[in-house]
Amino acid sequence: MNDFIELLAANSGISKSRVKYIIKNGPFLYKDYFINKNDGSKRLISVPRSDLKSIQKSILKDILYKKISPNPYVHGGVIGRSIVTNAKNHVGKKCVVCLDIKNFFPSTHMSKLEKSLLNYFSANEAKILIRLTTKNYSLPQGAPTSPFLSNLALSSCDEDIKNFCLKSNLDYSRYFDDITISGNGACKFLSKITKIINQSGFSTNLKTKIQHEGKEQIVTGIVVNKKMTLRSSDIKLLKTVIESFKVNGFLAFETDNFVKELEIINGKIAFLNQVNFTLGGKLNVDFSKIRKDLGL
């Protein structure tokens, strides 16, 4: 255990004694933001305090990235992948089915996470990692490690869905909590995919999109009918969303998965940058400043 703590201290540049303190108190070292939702309930965003965040960034960069390779069909929270690489799998398909996992980060309970971590780490190392990356027994919104660890906890579910899709001649991808399958007759297998997700200890939201050839098909905000495009209305909305963040800060978030929300905006800006460098570049500068101001 001491060797692992020394590794964390060396990688993060934080003293060993301070790392021990953070391990002991990790789940309590967050700043919570409560944002009103449209239904009157509250949305919780938990941002780690500076020392904990530094350790989490080091865990991600120096340990998780080096030790664990993400599945090729997972595109959210993975370096070099985005909404664009996710959507690319589903261009020109007769049927595209999109569904999403309910309460994505909160549903990733530490017990699921521990089971996955034990494939790569000792029991003591896994225990330390859980102390440093979870809050209220699950993955917190705002921790830089949460996207990678949620992918790890879902890896078994991903494999089961991918194997089923291979047998059924379908394509599969996942972007955070967004699951997409496509191909001939993809709509016929929705109940089977939902069953696999439920058996993995997760559940799906009721909103499922079945998109047939001949009508607009959208995957993670990208139109995929014949080629990948952004609708002009989405470009206008993108400008509006960025202005909202400038004015409202954290209050501008509209979903329970703000990490995904930020990355979708980034992905759309990057895609726009390919076809309209001037506008894409301006929006990128604006949004980079917003993320810096928010500490995200």
Protein backbone atom coordinates (compact mmCIF):
# COMPACT_ATOMS: atom_id res chain seq x y z
CA MET A 1 0.00 0.00 0.00
CA ASN A 2 2.82 2.40 0.89
CA ASP A 3 4.41 1.89 -2.52
CA PHE A 4 1.15 2.89 -4.21
CA ILE A 5 0.79 5.97 -2.01
CA GLU A 6 4.37 6.93 -2.83
CA LEU A 7 3.55 6.54 -6.53
CA LEU A 8 0.52 8.81 -6.17
CA ALA A 9 2.61 11.39 -4.33
CA ALA A 10 5.41 11.31 -6.91
CA ASN A 11 3.04 11.54 -9.88
CA SER A 12 0.94 14.37 -8.46
CA GLY A 13 3.72 16.37 -6.79
CA ILE A 14 1.81 16.31 -3.49
CA SER A 15 3.49 15.20 -0.28
CA LYS A 16 2.95 11.65 0.95
CA SER A 17 1.37 12.86 4.19
CA ARG A 18 -1.04 15.06 2.27
CA VAL A 19 -1.93 12.18 -0.06
CA LYS A 20 -2.74 10.03 2.98
CA TYR A 21 -4.99 12.78 4.31
CA ILE A 22 -6.77 13.06 0.96
CA ILE A 23 -7.25 9.28 0.77
CA LYS A 24 -8.86 9.35 4.22
CA ASN A 25 -11.11 12.31 3.45
CA GLY A 26 -11.49 12.06 -0.33
CA PRO A 27 -15.30 11.65 -0.50
CA PHE A 28 -15.71 14.87 1.50
CA LEU A 29 -13.34 17.09 -0.50
CA TYR A 30 -15.83 18.38 -3.08
CA LYS A 31 -17.60 21.66 -3.68
CA ASP A 32 -21.26 21.01 -4.41
CA TYR A 33 -23.42 23.06 -6.77
CA PHE A 34 -27.19 22.59 -6.79
CA ILE A 35 -28.94 23.67 -9.98
CA ASN A 36 -32.71 23.85 -10.46
CA LYS A 37 -34.12 21.43 -13.03
CA ASN A 38 -37.19 22.10 -15.16
CA ASP A 39 -39.27 19.66 -13.08
CA GLY A 40 -38.50 21.59 -9.86
CA SER A 41 -35.97 19.10 -8.48
CA LYS A 42 -32.27 19.80 -7.96
CA ARG A 43 -29.30 18.75 -10.06
CA LEU A 44 -26.08 18.10 -8.11
CA ILE A 45 -22.65 18.88 -9.52
CA SER A 46 -19.69 17.96 -7.31
CA VAL A 47 -16.35 19.50 -8.25
CA PRO A 48 -13.25 18.16 -6.44
CA ARG A 49 -11.16 20.63 -4.47
CA SER A 50 -7.73 21.51 -5.86
CA ASP A 51 -5.47 18.88 -4.24
CA LEU A 52 -7.94 16.05 -4.83
CA LYS A 53 -8.45 17.20 -8.42
CA SER A 54 -4.67 17.22 -8.98
CA ILE A 55 -4.43 13.64 -7.71
CA GLN A 56 -7.39 12.56 -9.86
CA LYS A 57 -5.77 14.09 -12.97
CA SER A 58 -2.56 12.23 -12.13
CA ILE A 59 -4.43 8.96 -11.60
CA LEU A 60 -6.05 9.39 -14.99
CA LYS A 61 -2.88 10.37 -16.88
CA ASP A 62 -0.19 8.33 -15.15
CA ILE A 63 -2.07 5.21 -14.07
CA LEU A 64 -5.39 4.55 -15.81
CA TYR A 65 -4.39 5.66 -19.31
CA LYS A 66 -1.17 3.64 -19.12
CA LYS A 67 -2.65 0.49 -17.62
CA ILE A 68 -6.08 0.16 -19.26
CA SER A 69 -7.02 0.43 -22.95
CA PRO A 70 -10.63 1.55 -23.62
CA ASN A 71 -12.81 -0.65 -25.79
CA PRO A 72 -12.72 0.46 -29.45
CA TYR A 73 -16.48 1.01 -29.57
CA VAL A 74 -16.52 3.43 -26.59
CA HIS A 75 -16.12 7.09 -27.59
CA GLY A 76 -17.02 9.26 -24.57
CA GLY A 77 -14.23 10.21 -22.19
CA VAL A 78 -11.56 8.68 -24.42
CA ILE A 79 -8.61 10.65 -25.82
CA GLY A 80 -8.84 11.05 -29.60
CA ARG A 81 -12.52 10.07 -29.75
CA SER A 82 -15.61 12.26 -29.82
CA ILE A 83 -19.22 12.57 -30.96
CA VAL A 84 -17.81 12.50 -34.51
CA THR A 85 -15.95 9.18 -34.19
CA ASN A 86 -19.03 7.80 -32.45
CA ALA A 87 -21.44 8.89 -35.18
CA LYS A 88 -19.15 7.71 -37.99
CA ASN A 89 -20.03 4.08 -37.21
CA HIS A 90 -23.67 4.63 -38.17
CA VAL A 91 -23.54 6.56 -41.46
CA GLY A 92 -25.80 5.30 -44.24
CA LYS A 93 -27.63 2.59 -42.26
CA LYS A 94 -31.20 1.45 -42.89
CA CYS A 95 -32.11 1.71 -39.22
CA VAL A 96 -30.44 3.56 -36.34
CA VAL A 97 -31.58 2.97 -32.75
CA CYS A 98 -30.50 5.28 -29.90
CA LEU A 99 -31.17 4.75 -26.21
CA ASP A 100 -29.50 5.97 -23.07
CA ILE A 101 -28.57 4.68 -19.62
CA LYS A 102 -30.46 6.24 -16.74
CA ASN A 103 -28.53 8.21 -14.09
CA PHE A 104 -25.21 7.29 -15.68
CA PHE A 105 -22.62 8.40 -13.09
CA PRO A 106 -24.80 7.91 -9.97
CA SER A 107 -25.67 4.40 -11.20
CA THR A 108 -21.99 3.49 -11.30
CA HIS A 109 -21.87 2.31 -7.69
CA MET A 110 -18.50 1.73 -6.06
CA SER A 111 -19.22 -2.02 -5.89
CA LYS A 112 -19.39 -2.18 -9.72
CA LEU A 113 -16.26 -0.07 -9.93
CA GLU A 114 -14.33 -2.19 -7.43
CA LYS A 115 -15.15 -5.36 -9.35
CA SER A 116 -13.70 -3.84 -12.53
CA LEU A 117 -10.64 -2.33 -10.84
CA LEU A 118 -9.69 -5.70 -9.34
CA ASN A 119 -8.93 -6.91 -12.87
CA TYR A 120 -5.99 -4.49 -12.93
CA PHE A 121 -5.09 -3.60 -9.34
CA SER A 122 -4.58 -5.26 -5.96
CA ALA A 123 -7.40 -5.07 -3.42
CA ASN A 124 -5.59 -2.33 -1.45
CA GLU A 125 -4.84 -0.30 -4.59
CA ALA A 126 -8.46 -0.60 -5.73
CA LYS A 127 -9.64 0.55 -2.29
CA ILE A 128 -7.40 3.63 -2.46
CA LEU A 129 -8.55 4.48 -5.98
CA ILE A 130 -12.18 4.24 -4.91
CA ARG A 131 -11.57 6.56 -1.94
CA LEU A 132 -9.98 9.09 -4.28
CA THR A 133 -12.56 8.97 -7.08
CA THR A 134 -16.00 8.38 -5.54
CA LYS A 135 -18.47 10.42 -3.50
CA ASN A 136 -21.61 9.06 -1.83
CA TYR A 137 -20.59 5.57 -3.05
CA SER A 138 -20.73 6.49 -6.74
CA LEU A 139 -18.90 8.52 -9.39
CA PRO A 140 -19.30 12.28 -8.91
CA GLN A 141 -20.11 14.77 -11.62
CA GLY A 142 -17.05 16.98 -12.00
CA ALA A 143 -14.25 14.52 -11.21
CA PRO A 144 -11.85 14.15 -14.18
CA THR A 145 -11.65 10.40 -13.49
CA SER A 146 -15.40 9.75 -13.65
CA PRO A 147 -15.76 9.31 -17.44
CA PHE A 148 -12.90 6.80 -17.69
CA LEU A 149 -14.02 4.86 -14.62
CA SER A 150 -17.63 4.73 -15.80
CA ASN A 151 -16.38 3.19 -19.06
CA LEU A 152 -14.39 0.66 -17.04
CA ALA A 153 -17.41 -0.28 -14.92
CA LEU A 154 -19.48 -0.74 -18.09
CA SER A 155 -16.86 -2.76 -19.98
CA SER A 156 -18.55 -6.11 -19.34
CA CYS A 157 -21.90 -4.73 -20.51
CA ASP A 158 -20.21 -3.27 -23.59
CA GLU A 159 -18.68 -6.63 -24.44
CA ASP A 160 -22.03 -8.42 -24.13
CA ILE A 161 -23.77 -5.88 -26.38
CA LYS A 162 -20.92 -5.88 -28.90
CA ASN A 163 -20.87 -9.70 -29.11
CA PHE A 164 -24.63 -9.78 -29.64
CA CYS A 165 -24.38 -7.10 -32.36
CA LEU A 166 -21.59 -8.99 -34.13
CA LYS A 167 -23.79 -12.10 -34.32
CA SER A 168 -26.70 -9.99 -35.59
CA ASN A 169 -24.62 -8.05 -38.18
CA LEU A 170 -25.19 -4.74 -36.39
CA ASP A 171 -22.85 -1.90 -35.48
CA TYR A 172 -22.56 -0.78 -31.87
CA SER A 173 -21.09 2.28 -30.16
CA ARG A 174 -21.46 4.08 -26.85
CA TYR A 175 -20.86 7.73 -26.01
CA PHE A 176 -21.08 8.12 -22.23
CA ASP A 177 -24.69 7.07 -21.54
CA ASP A 178 -25.78 7.18 -25.21
CA ILE A 179 -25.98 3.73 -26.80
CA THR A 180 -26.42 3.37 -30.56
CA ILE A 181 -26.97 0.25 -32.67
CA SER A 182 -27.51 0.34 -36.42
CA GLY A 183 -28.04 -1.91 -39.41
CA ASN A 184 -30.79 -3.87 -41.10
CA GLY A 185 -33.52 -4.66 -38.60
CA ALA A 186 -31.77 -2.97 -35.68
CA CYS A 187 -35.14 -1.93 -34.27
CA LYS A 188 -36.10 -5.60 -33.77
CA PHE A 189 -33.36 -6.08 -31.18
CA LEU A 190 -34.15 -3.18 -28.85
CA SER A 191 -35.62 -5.42 -26.14
CA LYS A 192 -32.56 -7.69 -26.23
CA ILE A 193 -30.15 -4.75 -25.84
CA THR A 194 -32.27 -3.38 -22.97
CA LYS A 195 -32.19 -6.79 -21.26
CA ILE A 196 -28.38 -6.92 -21.46
CA ILE A 197 -28.16 -3.45 -19.89
CA ASN A 198 -30.56 -4.40 -17.09
CA GLN A 199 -28.66 -7.61 -16.36
CA SER A 200 -25.51 -5.49 -15.94
CA GLY A 201 -27.14 -3.55 -13.12
CA PHE A 202 -28.07 -0.45 -15.11
CA SER A 203 -31.38 0.74 -16.51
CA THR A 204 -32.45 2.76 -19.55
CA ASN A 205 -34.50 5.92 -19.93
CA LEU A 206 -37.86 5.71 -21.65
CA LYS A 207 -36.80 7.99 -24.51
CA THR A 208 -35.66 5.66 -27.30
CA LYS A 209 -35.20 6.86 -30.89
CA ILE A 210 -35.84 4.44 -33.75
CA GLN A 211 -34.69 6.20 -36.93
CA HIS A 212 -35.37 4.61 -40.30
CA GLU A 213 -33.73 5.27 -43.64
CA GLY A 214 -35.47 8.07 -45.55
CA LYS A 215 -36.00 10.20 -42.46
CA GLU A 216 -33.43 12.26 -40.59
CA GLN A 217 -31.13 10.05 -38.52
CA ILE A 218 -29.14 11.72 -35.71
CA VAL A 219 -26.44 10.20 -33.52
CA THR A 220 -24.93 12.32 -30.71
CA GLY A 221 -26.03 15.49 -32.47
CA ILE A 222 -24.62 14.56 -35.90
CA VAL A 223 -26.84 13.80 -38.91
CA VAL A 224 -25.70 10.43 -40.35
CA ASN A 225 -28.07 9.64 -43.24
CA LYS A 226 -25.59 9.70 -46.15
CA LYS A 227 -22.71 11.65 -44.66
CA MET A 228 -22.02 13.40 -41.36
CA THR A 229 -23.43 16.93 -41.19
CA LEU A 230 -24.59 19.52 -38.66
CA ARG A 231 -27.98 21.11 -39.15
CA SER A 232 -27.97 24.91 -39.48
CA SER A 233 -30.38 25.04 -36.55
CA ASP A 234 -27.81 23.17 -34.42
CA ILE A 235 -25.13 25.71 -35.31
CA LYS A 236 -27.43 28.54 -34.20
CA LEU A 237 -28.24 26.63 -31.01
CA LEU A 238 -24.53 26.09 -30.37
CA LYS A 239 -23.96 29.85 -30.40
CA THR A 240 -26.90 30.33 -28.02
CA VAL A 241 -25.63 27.68 -25.60
CA ILE A 242 -22.16 29.26 -25.45
CA GLU A 243 -23.68 32.68 -24.76
CA SER A 244 -25.75 31.10 -21.99
CA PHE A 245 -22.61 29.71 -20.35
CA LYS A 246 -20.97 33.14 -20.55
CA VAL A 247 -23.88 34.69 -18.67
CA ASN A 248 -25.03 31.89 -16.36
CA GLY A 249 -21.98 29.72 -15.66
CA PHE A 250 -22.95 26.42 -13.96
CA LEU A 251 -26.64 27.38 -14.20
CA ALA A 252 -26.44 26.88 -17.98
CA PHE A 253 -26.21 23.08 -17.71
CA GLU A 254 -29.36 21.41 -19.00
CA THR A 255 -28.77 17.71 -18.26
CA ASP A 256 -27.73 15.45 -15.39
CA ASN A 257 -24.54 14.47 -17.23
CA PHE A 258 -22.70 17.75 -17.53
CA VAL A 259 -19.40 16.05 -18.49
CA LYS A 260 -21.08 14.65 -21.58
CA GLU A 261 -22.82 17.96 -22.19
CA LEU A 262 -19.46 19.77 -22.29
CA GLU A 263 -17.88 17.17 -24.54
CA ILE A 264 -20.79 17.25 -27.01
CA ILE A 265 -20.34 21.01 -27.31
CA ASN A 266 -16.61 20.50 -27.83
CA GLY A 267 -17.30 17.84 -30.46
CA LYS A 268 -19.71 20.04 -32.38
CA ILE A 269 -17.25 22.94 -32.33
CA ALA A 270 -14.46 20.64 -33.59
CA PHE A 271 -16.72 19.32 -36.37
CA LEU A 272 -17.82 22.85 -37.30
CA ASN A 273 -14.16 23.88 -37.39
CA GLN A 274 -13.63 21.47 -40.30
CA VAL A 275 -16.24 23.17 -42.49
CA ASN A 276 -16.17 26.75 -41.17
CA PHE A 277 -12.76 27.48 -39.71
CA THR A 278 -13.53 31.11 -38.84
CA LEU A 279 -16.72 30.43 -36.89
CA GLY A 280 -15.45 27.17 -35.41
CA GLY A 281 -12.23 28.85 -34.27
CA LYS A 282 -14.10 31.73 -32.60
CA LEU A 283 -16.46 29.40 -30.76
CA ASN A 284 -13.53 27.24 -29.66
CA VAL A 285 -11.76 30.24 -28.12
CA ASP A 286 -14.95 31.34 -26.37
CA PHE A 287 -15.75 27.90 -25.01
CA SER A 288 -12.18 27.18 -23.88
CA LYS A 289 -12.32 30.35 -21.77
CA ILE A 290 -15.68 29.32 -20.31
CA ARG A 291 -14.32 25.92 -19.25
CA LYS A 292 -11.28 27.55 -17.70
CA ASP A 293 -13.45 30.01 -15.76
CA LEU A 294 -15.61 27.13 -14.49
CA GLY A 295 -12.56 25.09 -13.54
CA LEU A 296 -13.60 22.34 -15.95
